[in-house]
Amino acid sequence: MSQTPRLNRRMIGATLIAAATGYSGTAHAIPAFAAQTGMHCSACHIGFPQLTPYGRMFKLQGYITGGTFPTWKNFALRKL
């Protein structure tokens, strides 16, 4: 049995994976939580991905602070 068909399948698979992971859109990061809370990013972040004690508490509480959003339905929306 020849190794050529197996090698071809592996090459095709590797090429497809490389093409799928190599193509990504531009990231448009915005300080959404800073806009939500009115606080600077440094209130929660020491450096990516390190959080301050306040940042850890903010994360554990579902990214809400001060009762600004209803706690009965915490969810996130993504702009398409």
PDB file of N, CA and C in Angstrom:
ATOM      1  N   MET A   1       0.842  -1.187   0.000  1.00  0.00           N
ATOM      2  CA  MET A   1       0.000   0.000   0.000  1.00  0.00           C
ATOM      3  C   MET A   1       0.885   1.247   0.000  1.00  0.00           C
ATOM      4  N   SER A   2       0.559   2.174  -0.789  1.00  0.00           N
ATOM      5  CA  SER A   2       1.355   3.375  -0.955  1.00  0.00           C
ATOM      6  C   SER A   2       1.068   4.395   0.150  1.00  0.00           C
ATOM      7  N   GLN A   3       2.066   5.134   0.540  1.00  0.00           N
ATOM      8  CA  GLN A   3       1.927   6.176   1.561  1.00  0.00           C
ATOM      9  C   GLN A   3       1.428   7.489   0.956  1.00  0.00           C
ATOM     10  N   THR A   4       1.398   7.586  -0.338  1.00  0.00           N
ATOM     11  CA  THR A   4       1.023   8.829  -1.007  1.00  0.00           C
ATOM     12  C   THR A   4      -0.393   9.291  -0.675  1.00  0.00           C
ATOM     13  N   PRO A   5      -1.442   8.445  -0.728  1.00  0.00           N
ATOM     14  CA  PRO A   5      -2.780   8.926  -0.392  1.00  0.00           C
ATOM     15  C   PRO A   5      -2.878   9.428   1.055  1.00  0.00           C
ATOM     16  N   ARG A   6      -2.222   8.722   1.970  1.00  0.00           N
ATOM     17  CA  ARG A   6      -2.254   9.148   3.379  1.00  0.00           C
ATOM     18  C   ARG A   6      -1.556  10.499   3.542  1.00  0.00           C
ATOM     19  N   LEU A   7      -0.418  10.661   2.875  1.00  0.00           N
ATOM     20  CA  LEU A   7       0.334  11.903   2.942  1.00  0.00           C
ATOM     21  C   LEU A   7      -0.480  13.045   2.337  1.00  0.00           C
ATOM     22  N   ASN A   8      -1.160  12.775   1.213  1.00  0.00           N
ATOM     23  CA  ASN A   8      -1.984  13.799   0.572  1.00  0.00           C
ATOM     24  C   ASN A   8      -3.112  14.251   1.496  1.00  0.00           C
ATOM     25  N   ARG A   9      -3.762  13.299   2.180  1.00  0.00           N
ATOM     26  CA  ARG A   9      -4.844  13.660   3.098  1.00  0.00           C
ATOM     27  C   ARG A   9      -4.329  14.517   4.246  1.00  0.00           C
ATOM     28  N   ARG A  10      -3.172  14.152   4.751  1.00  0.00           N
ATOM     29  CA  ARG A  10      -2.583  14.944   5.845  1.00  0.00           C
ATOM     30  C   ARG A  10      -2.218  16.349   5.380  1.00  0.00           C
ATOM     31  N   MET A  11      -1.664  16.451   4.197  1.00  0.00           N
ATOM     32  CA  MET A  11      -1.293  17.762   3.661  1.00  0.00           C
ATOM     33  C   MET A  11      -2.524  18.629   3.419  1.00  0.00           C
ATOM     34  N   ILE A  12      -3.558  18.027   2.877  1.00  0.00           N
ATOM     35  CA  ILE A  12      -4.802  18.770   2.645  1.00  0.00           C
ATOM     36  C   ILE A  12      -5.397  19.218   3.978  1.00  0.00           C
ATOM     37  N   GLY A  13      -5.422  18.314   4.958  1.00  0.00           N
ATOM     38  CA  GLY A  13      -5.949  18.662   6.271  1.00  0.00           C
ATOM     39  C   GLY A  13      -5.150  19.778   6.930  1.00  0.00           C
ATOM     40  N   ALA A  14      -3.825  19.690   6.859  1.00  0.00           N
ATOM     41  CA  ALA A  14      -2.971  20.726   7.446  1.00  0.00           C
ATOM     42  C   ALA A  14      -3.164  22.067   6.739  1.00  0.00           C
ATOM     43  N   THR A  15      -3.324  22.013   5.429  1.00  0.00           N
ATOM     44  CA  THR A  15      -3.540  23.242   4.668  1.00  0.00           C
ATOM     45  C   THR A  15      -4.873  23.891   5.031  1.00  0.00           C
ATOM     46  N   LEU A  16      -5.915  23.092   5.171  1.00  0.00           N
ATOM     47  CA  LEU A  16      -7.223  23.635   5.543  1.00  0.00           C
ATOM     48  C   LEU A  16      -7.202  24.240   6.942  1.00  0.00           C
ATOM     49  N   ILE A  17      -6.551  23.565   7.874  1.00  0.00           N
ATOM     50  CA  ILE A  17      -6.455  24.095   9.234  1.00  0.00           C
ATOM     51  C   ILE A  17      -5.659  25.394   9.240  1.00  0.00           C
ATOM     52  N   ALA A  18      -4.554  25.435   8.515  1.00  0.00           N
ATOM     53  CA  ALA A  18      -3.747  26.654   8.451  1.00  0.00           C
ATOM     54  C   ALA A  18      -4.531  27.803   7.823  1.00  0.00           C
ATOM     55  N   ALA A  19      -5.302  27.498   6.790  1.00  0.00           N
ATOM     56  CA  ALA A  19      -6.096  28.541   6.131  1.00  0.00           C
ATOM     57  C   ALA A  19      -7.205  29.043   7.048  1.00  0.00           C
ATOM     58  N   ALA A  20      -7.837  28.140   7.786  1.00  0.00           N
ATOM     59  CA  ALA A  20      -8.931  28.543   8.665  1.00  0.00           C
ATOM     60  C   ALA A  20      -8.433  29.362   9.842  1.00  0.00           C
ATOM     61  N   THR A  21      -7.295  28.994  10.400  1.00  0.00           N
ATOM     62  CA  THR A  21      -6.784  29.738  11.551  1.00  0.00           C
ATOM     63  C   THR A  21      -6.018  30.974  11.130  1.00  0.00           C
ATOM     64  N   GLY A  22      -5.506  30.986   9.928  1.00  0.00           N
ATOM     65  CA  GLY A  22      -4.748  32.135   9.455  1.00  0.00           C
ATOM     66  C   GLY A  22      -5.622  33.308   9.063  1.00  0.00           C
ATOM     67  N   TYR A  23      -6.855  33.035   8.722  1.00  0.00           N
ATOM     68  CA  TYR A  23      -7.772  34.102   8.328  1.00  0.00           C
ATOM     69  C   TYR A  23      -8.556  34.560   9.543  1.00  0.00           C
ATOM     70  N   SER A  24      -8.290  35.743   9.983  1.00  0.00           N
ATOM     71  CA  SER A  24      -9.059  36.315  11.087  1.00  0.00           C
ATOM     72  C   SER A  24      -9.257  37.797  10.821  1.00  0.00           C
ATOM     73  N   GLY A  25     -10.370  38.275  11.282  1.00  0.00           N
ATOM     74  CA  GLY A  25     -10.667  39.680  11.099  1.00  0.00           C
ATOM     75  C   GLY A  25      -9.892  40.548  12.080  1.00  0.00           C
ATOM     76  N   THR A  26     -10.002  41.823  11.924  1.00  0.00           N
ATOM     77  CA  THR A  26      -9.341  42.764  12.808  1.00  0.00           C
ATOM     78  C   THR A  26     -10.114  42.868  14.113  1.00  0.00           C
ATOM     79  N   ALA A  27      -9.406  42.873  15.208  1.00  0.00           N
ATOM     80  CA  ALA A  27     -10.042  43.020  16.518  1.00  0.00           C
ATOM     81  C   ALA A  27     -10.352  44.489  16.761  1.00  0.00           C
ATOM     82  N   HIS A  28     -11.546  44.759  17.217  1.00  0.00           N
ATOM     83  CA  HIS A  28     -11.970  46.118  17.534  1.00  0.00           C
ATOM     84  C   HIS A  28     -12.313  46.182  19.011  1.00  0.00           C
ATOM     85  N   ALA A  29     -11.295  46.154  19.842  1.00  0.00           N
ATOM     86  CA  ALA A  29     -11.501  46.160  21.283  1.00  0.00           C
ATOM     87  C   ALA A  29     -11.838  47.572  21.750  1.00  0.00           C
ATOM     88  N   ILE A  30     -12.830  47.651  22.590  1.00  0.00           N
ATOM     89  CA  ILE A  30     -13.208  48.927  23.191  1.00  0.00           C
ATOM     90  C   ILE A  30     -13.321  48.724  24.700  1.00  0.00           C
ATOM     91  N   PRO A  31     -13.074  49.737  25.467  1.00  0.00           N
ATOM     92  CA  PRO A  31     -13.203  49.602  26.923  1.00  0.00           C
ATOM     93  C   PRO A  31     -14.669  49.668  27.347  1.00  0.00           C
ATOM     94  N   ALA A  32     -15.432  48.629  27.011  1.00  0.00           N
ATOM     95  CA  ALA A  32     -16.873  48.635  27.254  1.00  0.00           C
ATOM     96  C   ALA A  32     -17.201  48.718  28.745  1.00  0.00           C
ATOM     97  N   PHE A  33     -16.458  47.992  29.574  1.00  0.00           N
ATOM     98  CA  PHE A  33     -16.752  48.029  31.005  1.00  0.00           C
ATOM     99  C   PHE A  33     -16.360  49.367  31.607  1.00  0.00           C
ATOM    100  N   ALA A  34     -15.324  50.007  31.069  1.00  0.00           N
ATOM    101  CA  ALA A  34     -14.960  51.335  31.538  1.00  0.00           C
ATOM    102  C   ALA A  34     -16.080  52.326  31.204  1.00  0.00           C
ATOM    103  N   ALA A  35     -16.672  52.181  30.028  1.00  0.00           N
ATOM    104  CA  ALA A  35     -17.794  53.046  29.657  1.00  0.00           C
ATOM    105  C   ALA A  35     -19.019  52.744  30.511  1.00  0.00           C
ATOM    106  N   GLN A  36     -19.223  51.470  30.833  1.00  0.00           N
ATOM    107  CA  GLN A  36     -20.375  51.062  31.645  1.00  0.00           C
ATOM    108  C   GLN A  36     -20.279  51.593  33.063  1.00  0.00           C
ATOM    109  N   THR A  37     -19.075  51.514  33.650  1.00  0.00           N
ATOM    110  CA  THR A  37     -18.915  51.878  35.057  1.00  0.00           C
ATOM    111  C   THR A  37     -18.443  53.299  35.269  1.00  0.00           C
ATOM    112  N   GLY A  38     -17.853  53.918  34.240  1.00  0.00           N
ATOM    113  CA  GLY A  38     -17.310  55.262  34.389  1.00  0.00           C
ATOM    114  C   GLY A  38     -15.956  55.270  35.088  1.00  0.00           C
ATOM    115  N   MET A  39     -15.326  54.096  35.205  1.00  0.00           N
ATOM    116  CA  MET A  39     -14.028  53.986  35.869  1.00  0.00           C
ATOM    117  C   MET A  39     -12.940  53.757  34.831  1.00  0.00           C
ATOM    118  N   HIS A  40     -11.702  54.057  35.204  1.00  0.00           N
ATOM    119  CA  HIS A  40     -10.571  53.797  34.319  1.00  0.00           C
ATOM    120  C   HIS A  40     -10.282  52.311  34.274  1.00  0.00           C
ATOM    121  N   CYS A  41      -9.653  51.856  33.198  1.00  0.00           N
ATOM    122  CA  CYS A  41      -9.294  50.441  33.051  1.00  0.00           C
ATOM    123  C   CYS A  41      -8.381  49.980  34.180  1.00  0.00           C
ATOM    124  N   SER A  42      -7.553  50.890  34.679  1.00  0.00           N
ATOM    125  CA  SER A  42      -6.603  50.532  35.728  1.00  0.00           C
ATOM    126  C   SER A  42      -7.283  50.238  37.065  1.00  0.00           C
ATOM    127  N   ALA A  43      -8.564  50.515  37.194  1.00  0.00           N
ATOM    128  CA  ALA A  43      -9.281  50.155  38.418  1.00  0.00           C
ATOM    129  C   ALA A  43      -9.396  48.640  38.533  1.00  0.00           C
ATOM    130  N   CYS A  44      -9.486  47.946  37.413  1.00  0.00           N
ATOM    131  CA  CYS A  44      -9.616  46.485  37.408  1.00  0.00           C
ATOM    132  C   CYS A  44      -8.343  45.771  36.986  1.00  0.00           C
ATOM    133  N   HIS A  45      -7.546  46.405  36.141  1.00  0.00           N
ATOM    134  CA  HIS A  45      -6.398  45.729  35.543  1.00  0.00           C
ATOM    135  C   HIS A  45      -5.078  46.279  36.042  1.00  0.00           C
ATOM    136  N   ILE A  46      -4.180  45.356  36.404  1.00  0.00           N
ATOM    137  CA  ILE A  46      -2.786  45.705  36.678  1.00  0.00           C
ATOM    138  C   ILE A  46      -2.038  45.635  35.363  1.00  0.00           C
ATOM    139  N   GLY A  47      -2.288  44.603  34.636  1.00  0.00           N
ATOM    140  CA  GLY A  47      -1.701  44.347  33.324  1.00  0.00           C
ATOM    141  C   GLY A  47      -2.381  43.104  32.809  1.00  0.00           C
ATOM    142  N   PHE A  48      -2.522  42.999  31.507  1.00  0.00           N
ATOM    143  CA  PHE A  48      -3.265  41.870  30.970  1.00  0.00           C
ATOM    144  C   PHE A  48      -2.516  40.584  31.258  1.00  0.00           C
ATOM    145  N   PRO A  49      -3.132  39.573  31.770  1.00  0.00           N
ATOM    146  CA  PRO A  49      -4.505  39.391  32.214  1.00  0.00           C
ATOM    147  C   PRO A  49      -4.679  39.543  33.721  1.00  0.00           C
ATOM    148  N   GLN A  50      -3.752  40.206  34.388  1.00  0.00           N
ATOM    149  CA  GLN A  50      -3.807  40.327  35.841  1.00  0.00           C
ATOM    150  C   GLN A  50      -4.880  41.321  36.267  1.00  0.00           C
ATOM    151  N   LEU A  51      -5.648  40.925  37.299  1.00  0.00           N
ATOM    152  CA  LEU A  51      -6.704  41.779  37.829  1.00  0.00           C
ATOM    153  C   LEU A  51      -6.373  42.237  39.237  1.00  0.00           C
ATOM    154  N   THR A  52      -6.861  43.408  39.572  1.00  0.00           N
ATOM    155  CA  THR A  52      -6.765  43.901  40.945  1.00  0.00           C
ATOM    156  C   THR A  52      -7.833  43.189  41.771  1.00  0.00           C
ATOM    157  N   PRO A  53      -7.794  43.319  43.108  1.00  0.00           N
ATOM    158  CA  PRO A  53      -8.873  42.730  43.918  1.00  0.00           C
ATOM    159  C   PRO A  53     -10.254  43.246  43.498  1.00  0.00           C
ATOM    160  N   TYR A  54     -10.359  44.532  43.172  1.00  0.00           N
ATOM    161  CA  TYR A  54     -11.633  45.069  42.689  1.00  0.00           C
ATOM    162  C   TYR A  54     -12.043  44.416  41.367  1.00  0.00           C
ATOM    163  N   GLY A  55     -11.080  44.212  40.463  1.00  0.00           N
ATOM    164  CA  GLY A  55     -11.367  43.582  39.175  1.00  0.00           C
ATOM    165  C   GLY A  55     -11.848  42.145  39.336  1.00  0.00           C
ATOM    166  N   ARG A  56     -11.244  41.412  40.279  1.00  0.00           N
ATOM    167  CA  ARG A  56     -11.701  40.039  40.528  1.00  0.00           C
ATOM    168  C   ARG A  56     -13.124  40.034  41.065  1.00  0.00           C
ATOM    169  N   MET A  57     -13.443  40.950  41.985  1.00  0.00           N
ATOM    170  CA  MET A  57     -14.792  41.020  42.535  1.00  0.00           C
ATOM    171  C   MET A  57     -15.796  41.415  41.445  1.00  0.00           C
ATOM    172  N   PHE A  58     -15.413  42.345  40.593  1.00  0.00           N
ATOM    173  CA  PHE A  58     -16.267  42.778  39.480  1.00  0.00           C
ATOM    174  C   PHE A  58     -16.572  41.601  38.555  1.00  0.00           C
ATOM    175  N   LYS A  59     -15.556  40.780  38.275  1.00  0.00           N
ATOM    176  CA  LYS A  59     -15.735  39.605  37.424  1.00  0.00           C
ATOM    177  C   LYS A  59     -16.634  38.579  38.104  1.00  0.00           C
ATOM    178  N   LEU A  60     -16.401  38.315  39.390  1.00  0.00           N
ATOM    179  CA  LEU A  60     -17.197  37.323  40.114  1.00  0.00           C
ATOM    180  C   LEU A  60     -18.663  37.730  40.250  1.00  0.00           C
ATOM    181  N   GLN A  61     -18.939  39.030  40.250  1.00  0.00           N
ATOM    182  CA  GLN A  61     -20.313  39.513  40.366  1.00  0.00           C
ATOM    183  C   GLN A  61     -21.007  39.633  39.013  1.00  0.00           C
ATOM    184  N   GLY A  62     -20.414  39.107  37.986  1.00  0.00           N
ATOM    185  CA  GLY A  62     -21.060  39.098  36.668  1.00  0.00           C
ATOM    186  C   GLY A  62     -20.883  40.385  35.906  1.00  0.00           C
ATOM    187  N   TYR A  63     -19.781  41.113  36.151  1.00  0.00           N
ATOM    188  CA  TYR A  63     -19.455  42.352  35.445  1.00  0.00           C
ATOM    189  C   TYR A  63     -20.510  43.433  35.648  1.00  0.00           C
ATOM    190  N   ILE A  64     -21.044  43.506  36.847  1.00  0.00           N
ATOM    191  CA  ILE A  64     -21.942  44.605  37.211  1.00  0.00           C
ATOM    192  C   ILE A  64     -21.413  45.229  38.489  1.00  0.00           C
ATOM    193  N   THR A  65     -21.709  46.477  38.695  1.00  0.00           N
ATOM    194  CA  THR A  65     -21.274  47.161  39.900  1.00  0.00           C
ATOM    195  C   THR A  65     -22.295  48.206  40.297  1.00  0.00           C
ATOM    196  N   GLY A  66     -22.498  48.356  41.565  1.00  0.00           N
ATOM    197  CA  GLY A  66     -23.361  49.398  42.074  1.00  0.00           C
ATOM    198  C   GLY A  66     -24.826  49.259  41.729  1.00  0.00           C
ATOM    199  N   GLY A  67     -25.273  48.085  41.324  1.00  0.00           N
ATOM    200  CA  GLY A  67     -26.684  47.890  41.002  1.00  0.00           C
ATOM    201  C   GLY A  67     -27.135  48.642  39.769  1.00  0.00           C
ATOM    202  N   THR A  68     -26.219  48.895  38.835  1.00  0.00           N
ATOM    203  CA  THR A  68     -26.580  49.663  37.641  1.00  0.00           C
ATOM    204  C   THR A  68     -27.414  48.867  36.657  1.00  0.00           C
ATOM    205  N   PHE A  69     -27.339  47.545  36.730  1.00  0.00           N
ATOM    206  CA  PHE A  69     -28.099  46.692  35.836  1.00  0.00           C
ATOM    207  C   PHE A  69     -28.915  45.709  36.666  1.00  0.00           C
ATOM    208  N   PRO A  70     -30.038  45.261  36.179  1.00  0.00           N
ATOM    209  CA  PRO A  70     -30.818  44.284  36.941  1.00  0.00           C
ATOM    210  C   PRO A  70     -30.033  42.990  37.133  1.00  0.00           C
ATOM    211  N   THR A  71     -30.022  42.482  38.357  1.00  0.00           N
ATOM    212  CA  THR A  71     -29.233  41.288  38.655  1.00  0.00           C
ATOM    213  C   THR A  71     -29.973  40.008  38.298  1.00  0.00           C
ATOM    214  N   TRP A  72     -31.255  40.082  37.997  1.00  0.00           N
ATOM    215  CA  TRP A  72     -32.015  38.878  37.698  1.00  0.00           C
ATOM    216  C   TRP A  72     -31.738  38.343  36.310  1.00  0.00           C
ATOM    217  N   LYS A  73     -31.187  39.157  35.422  1.00  0.00           N
ATOM    218  CA  LYS A  73     -30.964  38.723  34.038  1.00  0.00           C
ATOM    219  C   LYS A  73     -29.645  39.308  33.542  1.00  0.00           C
ATOM    220  N   ASN A  74     -28.535  38.651  33.862  1.00  0.00           N
ATOM    221  CA  ASN A  74     -27.243  39.105  33.392  1.00  0.00           C
ATOM    222  C   ASN A  74     -26.893  38.377  32.097  1.00  0.00           C
ATOM    223  N   PHE A  75     -26.722  39.112  31.033  1.00  0.00           N
ATOM    224  CA  PHE A  75     -26.324  38.523  29.766  1.00  0.00           C
ATOM    225  C   PHE A  75     -25.555  39.565  28.965  1.00  0.00           C
ATOM    226  N   ALA A  76     -24.860  39.104  27.958  1.00  0.00           N
ATOM    227  CA  ALA A  76     -24.064  39.999  27.119  1.00  0.00           C
ATOM    228  C   ALA A  76     -24.605  39.958  25.702  1.00  0.00           C
ATOM    229  N   LEU A  77     -24.479  41.071  25.020  1.00  0.00           N
ATOM    230  CA  LEU A  77     -24.867  41.168  23.615  1.00  0.00           C
ATOM    231  C   LEU A  77     -23.645  41.508  22.794  1.00  0.00           C
ATOM    232  N   ARG A  78     -23.594  41.000  21.608  1.00  0.00           N
ATOM    233  CA  ARG A  78     -22.478  41.266  20.721  1.00  0.00           C
ATOM    234  C   ARG A  78     -23.001  41.931  19.460  1.00  0.00           C
ATOM    235  N   LYS A  79     -22.390  43.014  19.101  1.00  0.00           N
ATOM    236  CA  LYS A  79     -22.769  43.716  17.878  1.00  0.00           C
ATOM    237  C   LYS A  79     -22.293  42.911  16.673  1.00  0.00           C
ATOM    238  N   LEU A  80     -23.181  42.623  15.745  1.00  0.00           N
ATOM    239  CA  LEU A  80     -22.820  41.840  14.564  1.00  0.00           C
ATOM    240  C   LEU A  80     -22.330  42.719  13.455  1.00  0.00           C
TER     241      LEU A  80
END
